[in-house]
């Protein structure tokens, strides 16, 4: 678990069901919002990001967004 300051007023992550399935299948979800205990909960999500996704990797893993 990393504690990182966020600028959550900039937007949130969203995608269609097919893209979400691809991210999960390819293990490309890099960071998720969690509470201090590491639990991924709706309350830990500061901006309504889909499935608490804070960052995902490009298909070739060269960048995170």
C-alpha atoms as a PDB file:
ATOM      1  CA  UNK A   1       0.000   0.000   0.000  1.00  0.00           C
ATOM      2  CA  UNK A   2       1.244   3.498  -0.905  1.00  0.00           C
ATOM      3  CA  UNK A   3       0.030   6.753   0.565  1.00  0.00           C
ATOM      4  CA  UNK A   4      -0.022   9.261  -2.285  1.00  0.00           C
ATOM      5  CA  UNK A   5      -1.661  12.695  -2.400  1.00  0.00           C
ATOM      6  CA  UNK A   6      -4.294  12.954  -5.115  1.00  0.00           C
ATOM      7  CA  UNK A   7      -5.984  15.741  -7.037  1.00  0.00           C
ATOM      8  CA  UNK A   8      -9.344  14.028  -7.269  1.00  0.00           C
ATOM      9  CA  UNK A   9     -11.230  17.005  -8.649  1.00  0.00           C
ATOM     10  CA  UNK A  10      -9.595  16.393 -12.030  1.00  0.00           C
ATOM     11  CA  UNK A  11     -11.871  13.528 -12.999  1.00  0.00           C
ATOM     12  CA  UNK A  12     -12.382   9.839 -12.481  1.00  0.00           C
ATOM     13  CA  UNK A  13     -11.750   6.616 -14.342  1.00  0.00           C
ATOM     14  CA  UNK A  14     -14.545   5.101 -16.373  1.00  0.00           C
ATOM     15  CA  UNK A  15     -14.765   2.688 -19.314  1.00  0.00           C
ATOM     16  CA  UNK A  16     -17.176   0.284 -20.964  1.00  0.00           C
ATOM     17  CA  UNK A  17     -17.667  -3.310 -19.774  1.00  0.00           C
ATOM     18  CA  UNK A  18     -15.453  -4.789 -22.516  1.00  0.00           C
ATOM     19  CA  UNK A  19     -12.530  -2.518 -21.614  1.00  0.00           C
ATOM     20  CA  UNK A  20     -12.925  -3.280 -17.917  1.00  0.00           C
ATOM     21  CA  UNK A  21     -12.901  -7.013 -18.659  1.00  0.00           C
ATOM     22  CA  UNK A  22      -9.736  -6.560 -20.749  1.00  0.00           C
ATOM     23  CA  UNK A  23      -8.000  -4.586 -17.977  1.00  0.00           C
ATOM     24  CA  UNK A  24      -8.826  -7.305 -15.467  1.00  0.00           C
ATOM     25  CA  UNK A  25      -7.891 -10.160 -17.821  1.00  0.00           C
ATOM     26  CA  UNK A  26      -4.527  -8.588 -18.646  1.00  0.00           C
ATOM     27  CA  UNK A  27      -3.837  -7.571 -15.027  1.00  0.00           C
ATOM     28  CA  UNK A  28      -3.475  -3.912 -16.062  1.00  0.00           C
ATOM     29  CA  UNK A  29      -5.181  -2.256 -13.095  1.00  0.00           C
ATOM     30  CA  UNK A  30      -2.143  -0.780 -11.353  1.00  0.00           C
ATOM     31  CA  UNK A  31      -3.607   1.150  -8.415  1.00  0.00           C
ATOM     32  CA  UNK A  32      -6.978   1.244  -6.656  1.00  0.00           C
ATOM     33  CA  UNK A  33      -8.229   3.639  -4.016  1.00  0.00           C
ATOM     34  CA  UNK A  34      -8.338   1.976  -0.592  1.00  0.00           C
ATOM     35  CA  UNK A  35      -8.695   2.878   3.049  1.00  0.00           C
ATOM     36  CA  UNK A  36      -5.806   2.905   5.543  1.00  0.00           C
ATOM     37  CA  UNK A  37      -6.267  -0.841   6.110  1.00  0.00           C
ATOM     38  CA  UNK A  38      -5.886  -1.582   2.392  1.00  0.00           C
ATOM     39  CA  UNK A  39      -9.566  -2.419   1.928  1.00  0.00           C
ATOM     40  CA  UNK A  40     -11.113  -1.328  -1.370  1.00  0.00           C
ATOM     41  CA  UNK A  41     -14.394   0.246  -0.312  1.00  0.00           C
ATOM     42  CA  UNK A  42     -16.818   2.783  -1.803  1.00  0.00           C
ATOM     43  CA  UNK A  43     -15.931   5.188   1.025  1.00  0.00           C
ATOM     44  CA  UNK A  44     -12.242   5.115   0.014  1.00  0.00           C
ATOM     45  CA  UNK A  45     -13.079   6.216  -3.512  1.00  0.00           C
ATOM     46  CA  UNK A  46     -12.709  10.031  -3.577  1.00  0.00           C
ATOM     47  CA  UNK A  47     -14.161  10.645  -7.024  1.00  0.00           C
ATOM     48  CA  UNK A  48     -16.505   7.822  -8.025  1.00  0.00           C
ATOM     49  CA  UNK A  49     -13.918   6.101 -10.188  1.00  0.00           C
ATOM     50  CA  UNK A  50     -15.129   2.788 -11.640  1.00  0.00           C
ATOM     51  CA  UNK A  51     -14.185  -0.086  -9.275  1.00  0.00           C
ATOM     52  CA  UNK A  52     -11.919   2.312  -7.331  1.00  0.00           C
ATOM     53  CA  UNK A  53      -9.424   2.354 -10.227  1.00  0.00           C
ATOM     54  CA  UNK A  54      -6.748   4.992  -9.640  1.00  0.00           C
ATOM     55  CA  UNK A  55      -4.357   3.932 -12.449  1.00  0.00           C
ATOM     56  CA  UNK A  56      -4.154   1.449 -15.267  1.00  0.00           C
ATOM     57  CA  UNK A  57      -1.323   0.393 -17.565  1.00  0.00           C
ATOM     58  CA  UNK A  58      -1.141   0.663 -21.340  1.00  0.00           C
ATOM     59  CA  UNK A  59      -1.297  -2.672 -23.172  1.00  0.00           C
ATOM     60  CA  UNK A  60       2.503  -2.732 -23.495  1.00  0.00           C
ATOM     61  CA  UNK A  61       2.895  -1.523 -19.871  1.00  0.00           C
ATOM     62  CA  UNK A  62       5.057   1.423 -20.944  1.00  0.00           C
ATOM     63  CA  UNK A  63       2.921   4.003 -19.187  1.00  0.00           C
ATOM     64  CA  UNK A  64       0.385   4.322 -16.411  1.00  0.00           C
ATOM     65  CA  UNK A  65      -2.518   6.718 -16.405  1.00  0.00           C
END
